[in-house]
């Protein structure tokens, strides 16, 4: 192709991309969640999606594609058309932990996605069944040491698995991990005594904690969580524990930059609204937006490196 023709083709492509961005969105948007309905991420997604749709004047529909520790949803989005009509509300499970946990992962967390906006942090808590005779992390560790191999914990996602295994390694205790497909299933079995511990997201477990159906011993954040006053961080007892669970919105690789910037700007406006913040706070969620897509992209890469090191230290790997 002649250089002049190539330049004209490039200008035409840029022009069509800008035109598409100006018309965006012209149809409903799907927000894929890689966890089951009733999970913390699902609850956050539904609050954010509703308000985002109102701002964009197009419905934003939540589509739960749960299973395989968020791999099913991630694979689906990675293969979707990068036109801004398929979004991914996900967490560190799919983009920080899975690459180090699974040897045959069928997506690349960096190459296959377009980072759009960080949403915030969904704290996790170490919770136990109400019948287990422990009321603190120290008591749990002492009980586990006195009963080696007799306690089990639920692992419906990579965050729960990595957190529990890290606690086991640092505290030197022996417990058995039981895989689950979803948080609600894990919580049901925790209440029923089929498992004794679960590192659960507050979005799915908060109502049960408040009702006394399960007992929160500690939070995984570096500092206390406002929604769980009096519950200390895991690191106060398990020295060296450092785990942050983030939520963010991504899309397939190759999304037009104007569409990405539009979505980022709208999401930041949504997260700045007091009503939205209040709704998220009821889940224990802490709003923590990024300062743009590039900032979020760097954060995703940094968290991938952090979790890779954490999982390597814990000595856990799935095939």
Protein backbone atom coordinates (compact mmCIF):
# COMPACT_ATOMS: atom_id res chain seq x y z
CA UNK A 1 0.00 0.00 0.00
CA UNK A 2 1.25 3.49 -0.92
CA UNK A 3 2.22 5.58 2.16
CA UNK A 4 -0.49 8.12 1.29
CA UNK A 5 -3.12 5.39 1.05
CA UNK A 6 -1.89 3.93 4.35
CA UNK A 7 -2.22 7.35 6.01
CA UNK A 8 -5.75 7.75 4.64
CA UNK A 9 -6.70 4.30 5.92
CA UNK A 10 -5.30 5.14 9.35
CA UNK A 11 -7.23 8.41 9.45
CA UNK A 12 -10.40 6.59 8.45
CA UNK A 13 -9.86 4.04 11.21
CA UNK A 14 -9.27 6.75 13.80
CA UNK A 15 -12.32 8.63 12.57
CA UNK A 16 -14.56 5.58 12.79
CA UNK A 17 -13.24 4.79 16.30
CA UNK A 18 -13.95 8.33 17.49
CA UNK A 19 -17.40 8.27 15.93
CA UNK A 20 -18.18 4.96 17.61
CA UNK A 21 -16.98 6.36 20.94
CA UNK A 22 -19.17 9.46 20.56
CA UNK A 23 -22.21 7.25 19.92
CA UNK A 24 -21.32 4.92 22.80
CA UNK A 25 -23.30 3.32 24.24
CA UNK A 26 -25.99 2.67 21.66
CA UNK A 27 -27.16 -0.62 23.18
CA UNK A 28 -27.32 -2.40 26.54
CA UNK A 29 -24.01 -3.32 28.21
CA UNK A 30 -23.24 -6.65 29.87
CA UNK A 31 -21.18 -6.65 33.07
CA UNK A 32 -19.81 -10.16 33.62
CA UNK A 33 -19.21 -11.25 37.22
CA UNK A 34 -17.08 -14.41 37.61
CA UNK A 35 -18.78 -15.41 40.87
CA UNK A 36 -22.24 -16.64 41.82
CA UNK A 37 -25.24 -14.47 42.61
CA UNK A 38 -25.13 -13.59 46.29
CA UNK A 39 -21.35 -13.26 46.39
CA UNK A 40 -19.72 -10.02 47.52
CA UNK A 41 -18.54 -9.10 44.03
CA UNK A 42 -22.02 -9.76 42.65
CA UNK A 43 -23.56 -7.41 45.23
CA UNK A 44 -21.04 -4.67 44.41
CA UNK A 45 -21.55 -5.14 40.67
CA UNK A 46 -25.34 -4.79 40.92
CA UNK A 47 -25.09 -1.53 42.86
CA UNK A 48 -22.52 -0.06 40.47
CA UNK A 49 -24.17 -1.40 37.30
CA UNK A 50 -27.55 0.10 38.15
CA UNK A 51 -26.18 3.59 38.63
CA UNK A 52 -23.76 3.34 35.71
CA UNK A 53 -26.64 2.38 33.44
CA UNK A 54 -28.63 5.39 34.59
CA UNK A 55 -25.72 7.69 33.79
CA UNK A 56 -25.07 6.09 30.39
CA UNK A 57 -28.80 5.92 29.58
CA UNK A 58 -28.45 2.27 28.64
CA UNK A 59 -29.06 -0.78 30.85
CA UNK A 60 -25.95 -2.40 32.35
CA UNK A 61 -26.94 -6.03 32.89
CA UNK A 62 -25.07 -8.24 35.35
CA UNK A 63 -24.26 -11.71 33.99
CA UNK A 64 -22.93 -14.26 36.52
CA UNK A 65 -20.49 -16.71 34.94
CA UNK A 66 -19.29 -18.49 38.04
CA UNK A 67 -16.94 -21.41 38.43
CA UNK A 68 -13.32 -22.57 38.32
CA UNK A 69 -12.17 -19.80 40.66
CA UNK A 70 -13.28 -17.03 38.25
CA UNK A 71 -11.65 -18.67 35.22
CA UNK A 72 -14.91 -19.22 33.33
CA UNK A 73 -15.90 -15.57 33.46
CA UNK A 74 -12.38 -14.37 32.67
CA UNK A 75 -12.10 -16.61 29.61
CA UNK A 76 -15.47 -15.42 28.36
CA UNK A 77 -14.55 -11.74 28.59
CA UNK A 78 -11.08 -12.28 27.12
CA UNK A 79 -12.70 -13.63 23.95
CA UNK A 80 -15.46 -11.00 23.73
CA UNK A 81 -15.56 -8.23 21.15
CA UNK A 82 -13.64 -5.20 22.52
CA UNK A 83 -16.36 -2.66 21.76
CA UNK A 84 -17.27 -1.64 25.30
CA UNK A 85 -20.44 -3.72 25.46
CA UNK A 86 -18.87 -6.52 27.51
CA UNK A 87 -17.34 -5.44 30.81
CA UNK A 88 -15.79 -7.49 33.61
CA UNK A 89 -16.33 -6.71 37.29
CA UNK A 90 -13.64 -8.85 38.85
CA UNK A 91 -11.14 -9.15 41.68
CA UNK A 92 -7.63 -10.21 42.51
CA UNK A 93 -8.83 -13.82 42.23
CA UNK A 94 -8.83 -13.78 38.43
CA UNK A 95 -6.07 -11.23 37.87
CA UNK A 96 -3.65 -11.53 40.79
CA UNK A 97 -3.90 -15.03 42.26
CA UNK A 98 -4.97 -17.39 39.46
CA UNK A 99 -1.86 -16.93 37.27
CA UNK A 100 0.32 -18.22 40.11
CA UNK A 101 -2.15 -20.88 41.27
CA UNK A 102 -3.09 -22.61 38.02
CA UNK A 103 -0.53 -24.17 35.70
CA UNK A 104 -2.82 -24.26 32.63
CA UNK A 105 -4.60 -20.92 32.82
CA UNK A 106 -6.33 -20.18 29.50
CA UNK A 107 -6.12 -16.40 29.65
CA UNK A 108 -3.40 -13.82 30.27
CA UNK A 109 -4.41 -11.27 32.94
CA UNK A 110 -2.38 -8.52 31.30
CA UNK A 111 -2.42 -9.19 27.53
CA UNK A 112 -6.06 -10.29 27.23
CA UNK A 113 -7.73 -7.38 29.05
CA UNK A 114 -8.12 -3.60 29.03
CA UNK A 115 -8.03 -2.12 32.56
CA UNK A 116 -10.74 0.54 32.92
CA UNK A 117 -11.21 1.52 36.56
CA UNK A 118 -10.49 0.27 40.04
CA UNK A 119 -13.62 0.29 42.20
CA UNK A 120 -12.35 -0.41 45.69
CA UNK A 121 -11.54 -2.98 48.30
CA UNK A 122 -13.84 -5.73 49.50
CA UNK A 123 -12.41 -6.79 52.85
CA UNK A 124 -12.31 -10.44 53.79
CA UNK A 125 -12.67 -11.82 57.30
CA UNK A 126 -11.65 -15.05 58.97
CA UNK A 127 -15.01 -16.48 60.04
CA UNK A 128 -15.83 -19.64 61.96
CA UNK A 129 -18.99 -21.53 62.76
CA UNK A 130 -20.80 -20.36 65.88
CA UNK A 131 -20.27 -23.75 67.58
CA UNK A 132 -16.48 -23.69 67.32
CA UNK A 133 -15.15 -22.73 70.79
CA UNK A 134 -12.85 -19.90 69.66
CA UNK A 135 -13.31 -16.13 69.78
CA UNK A 136 -10.03 -14.77 68.39
CA UNK A 137 -7.27 -15.61 65.93
CA UNK A 138 -5.00 -16.67 68.78
CA UNK A 139 -7.65 -19.04 70.11
CA UNK A 140 -8.20 -20.46 66.62
CA UNK A 141 -4.48 -21.08 66.15
CA UNK A 142 -4.18 -22.66 69.60
CA UNK A 143 -7.22 -24.87 68.92
CA UNK A 144 -5.84 -25.95 65.53
CA UNK A 145 -2.48 -26.82 67.07
CA UNK A 146 -4.23 -28.86 69.75
CA UNK A 147 -6.30 -30.64 67.07
CA UNK A 148 -3.98 -31.08 64.06
CA UNK A 149 -5.73 -32.10 60.85
CA UNK A 150 -9.20 -32.01 62.44
CA UNK A 151 -10.26 -28.56 61.18
CA UNK A 152 -11.24 -27.81 57.60
CA UNK A 153 -11.74 -24.55 55.74
CA UNK A 154 -13.73 -23.58 52.64
CA UNK A 155 -12.05 -22.29 49.46
CA UNK A 156 -14.58 -21.08 46.85
CA UNK A 157 -12.09 -18.63 45.31
CA UNK A 158 -8.36 -18.01 45.05
CA UNK A 159 -8.42 -15.19 47.60
CA UNK A 160 -9.86 -17.46 50.28
CA UNK A 161 -7.39 -20.21 49.38
CA UNK A 162 -4.32 -17.97 49.39
CA UNK A 163 -5.35 -16.28 52.65
CA UNK A 164 -6.02 -19.54 54.48
CA UNK A 165 -2.84 -21.18 53.23
CA UNK A 166 -0.77 -18.13 54.18
CA UNK A 167 -2.22 -18.19 57.69
CA UNK A 168 -1.46 -21.93 57.91
CA UNK A 169 2.15 -21.41 56.78
CA UNK A 170 2.96 -18.47 59.06
CA UNK A 171 1.10 -19.83 62.11
CA UNK A 172 2.33 -23.39 61.60
CA UNK A 173 -1.06 -25.12 61.80
CA UNK A 174 -2.54 -28.11 59.98
CA UNK A 175 -6.00 -27.70 58.43
CA UNK A 176 -7.66 -29.25 55.38
CA UNK A 177 -8.88 -27.10 52.47
CA UNK A 178 -12.26 -27.99 50.93
CA UNK A 179 -13.03 -26.49 47.48
CA UNK A 180 -16.43 -24.89 46.85
CA UNK A 181 -18.02 -23.38 43.75
CA UNK A 182 -19.45 -20.29 45.46
CA UNK A 183 -19.42 -18.22 48.64
CA UNK A 184 -23.09 -18.90 49.55
CA UNK A 185 -22.46 -22.67 49.46
CA UNK A 186 -19.37 -22.28 51.64
CA UNK A 187 -21.24 -20.16 54.19
CA UNK A 188 -24.12 -22.65 54.33
CA UNK A 189 -21.72 -25.47 55.15
CA UNK A 190 -19.83 -23.30 57.65
CA UNK A 191 -23.07 -22.69 59.54
CA UNK A 192 -23.90 -26.39 59.34
CA UNK A 193 -20.52 -27.45 60.70
CA UNK A 194 -19.32 -29.28 57.56
CA UNK A 195 -16.34 -26.89 57.55
CA UNK A 196 -15.03 -24.93 60.52
CA UNK A 197 -13.35 -21.90 58.97
CA UNK A 198 -13.71 -19.72 55.89
CA UNK A 199 -11.88 -16.57 54.84
CA UNK A 200 -15.02 -14.90 53.49
CA UNK A 201 -15.71 -11.64 51.71
CA UNK A 202 -17.81 -9.29 53.80
CA UNK A 203 -20.22 -8.73 50.94
CA UNK A 204 -21.59 -12.24 51.25
CA UNK A 205 -20.95 -12.88 54.95
CA UNK A 206 -21.82 -9.58 56.67
CA UNK A 207 -25.49 -10.36 57.26
CA UNK A 208 -24.59 -13.73 58.81
CA UNK A 209 -21.91 -12.16 60.99
CA UNK A 210 -24.39 -9.57 62.27
CA UNK A 211 -26.99 -12.26 62.89
CA UNK A 212 -24.51 -14.34 64.88
CA UNK A 213 -24.77 -17.30 62.49
CA UNK A 214 -21.01 -17.17 62.00
CA UNK A 215 -18.30 -15.45 64.05
CA UNK A 216 -15.72 -13.04 62.63
CA UNK A 217 -12.31 -13.46 64.27
CA UNK A 218 -10.20 -11.07 62.19
CA UNK A 219 -10.12 -9.04 58.98
CA UNK A 220 -7.52 -9.50 56.25
CA UNK A 221 -6.89 -5.78 55.75
CA UNK A 222 -3.87 -3.99 57.23
CA UNK A 223 -6.09 -1.94 59.52
CA UNK A 224 -9.53 -2.32 61.12
CA UNK A 225 -12.68 -2.21 58.99
CA UNK A 226 -15.34 0.37 59.88
CA UNK A 227 -18.18 -2.05 59.33
CA UNK A 228 -16.71 -4.56 61.81
CA UNK A 229 -15.73 -2.49 64.83
CA UNK A 230 -13.67 -4.34 67.39
CA UNK A 231 -12.49 -7.02 64.93
CA UNK A 232 -8.70 -6.83 64.66
CA UNK A 233 -6.58 -7.46 61.53
CA UNK A 234 -5.13 -10.95 61.02
CA UNK A 235 -1.66 -9.37 61.03
CA UNK A 236 -2.04 -8.42 64.69
CA UNK A 237 -1.75 -12.13 65.51
CA UNK A 238 -0.20 -13.67 62.38
CA UNK A 239 2.84 -11.45 61.88
CA UNK A 240 3.75 -10.79 58.26
CA UNK A 241 0.25 -11.43 56.88
CA UNK A 242 -0.52 -8.94 54.09
CA UNK A 243 -3.46 -9.52 51.77
CA UNK A 244 -5.60 -6.95 49.97
CA UNK A 245 -8.64 -7.93 47.91
CA UNK A 246 -9.44 -5.41 45.18
CA UNK A 247 -12.39 -5.00 42.84
CA UNK A 248 -12.21 -3.36 39.44
CA UNK A 249 -13.72 -3.13 35.98
CA UNK A 250 -11.89 -4.37 32.89
CA UNK A 251 -12.79 -5.20 29.33
CA UNK A 252 -11.34 -7.32 26.53
CA UNK A 253 -7.97 -6.27 25.13
CA UNK A 254 -8.06 -3.66 22.36
CA UNK A 255 -10.93 -1.45 23.55
CA UNK A 256 -11.01 2.03 21.96
CA UNK A 257 -9.32 4.53 24.26
CA UNK A 258 -12.19 7.06 24.09
CA UNK A 259 -14.63 4.37 25.27
CA UNK A 260 -12.29 3.37 28.10
CA UNK A 261 -11.94 6.98 29.23
CA UNK A 262 -15.70 7.52 29.07
CA UNK A 263 -16.35 4.46 31.21
CA UNK A 264 -13.62 5.42 33.69
CA UNK A 265 -15.04 8.94 34.06
CA UNK A 266 -18.59 7.66 34.55
CA UNK A 267 -17.52 5.01 37.06
CA UNK A 268 -15.64 7.58 39.11
CA UNK A 269 -18.74 9.77 39.16
CA UNK A 270 -20.82 6.79 40.28
CA UNK A 271 -18.39 5.98 43.09
CA UNK A 272 -18.35 9.61 44.23
CA UNK A 273 -22.10 9.56 44.94
CA UNK A 274 -22.94 9.35 48.64
CA UNK A 275 -25.91 7.06 48.05
CA UNK A 276 -23.71 4.55 46.23
CA UNK A 277 -21.01 4.80 48.91
CA UNK A 278 -23.61 4.18 51.62
CA UNK A 279 -24.98 1.14 49.81
CA UNK A 280 -21.50 -0.30 49.35
CA UNK A 281 -20.58 0.44 52.96
CA UNK A 282 -23.43 -1.81 54.09
CA UNK A 283 -21.54 -4.66 52.40
CA UNK A 284 -18.33 -3.72 54.17
CA UNK A 285 -16.98 -2.47 50.84
CA UNK A 286 -14.57 0.45 50.84
CA UNK A 287 -14.60 2.69 47.76
CA UNK A 288 -11.08 3.15 46.45
CA UNK A 289 -11.11 4.32 42.81
CA UNK A 290 -8.00 4.62 40.67
CA UNK A 291 -6.92 7.91 39.13
CA UNK A 292 -7.40 6.71 35.58
CA UNK A 293 -7.03 3.61 33.39
CA UNK A 294 -3.23 3.83 33.27
CA UNK A 295 -3.03 4.01 37.06
CA UNK A 296 -5.31 0.98 37.33
CA UNK A 297 -3.24 -0.92 34.74
CA UNK A 298 -0.11 -0.36 36.83
CA UNK A 299 -1.96 -1.43 39.96
CA UNK A 300 -3.11 -4.68 38.30
CA UNK A 301 0.48 -5.45 37.25
CA UNK A 302 1.85 -4.65 40.72
CA UNK A 303 -0.78 -6.80 42.44
CA UNK A 304 -0.02 -9.69 40.08
CA UNK A 305 3.63 -9.56 41.18
CA UNK A 306 2.66 -9.29 44.86
CA UNK A 307 0.25 -12.24 44.80
CA UNK A 308 2.66 -14.37 42.77
CA UNK A 309 5.26 -13.93 45.51
CA UNK A 310 2.68 -14.55 48.26
CA UNK A 311 1.44 -17.79 46.68
CA UNK A 312 4.98 -19.00 46.02
CA UNK A 313 5.82 -18.43 49.69
CA UNK A 314 2.68 -20.30 50.74
CA UNK A 315 3.69 -23.24 48.53
CA UNK A 316 0.29 -23.68 46.89
CA UNK A 317 -0.28 -24.58 43.25
CA UNK A 318 -3.27 -26.05 41.43
CA UNK A 319 -3.00 -28.15 38.28
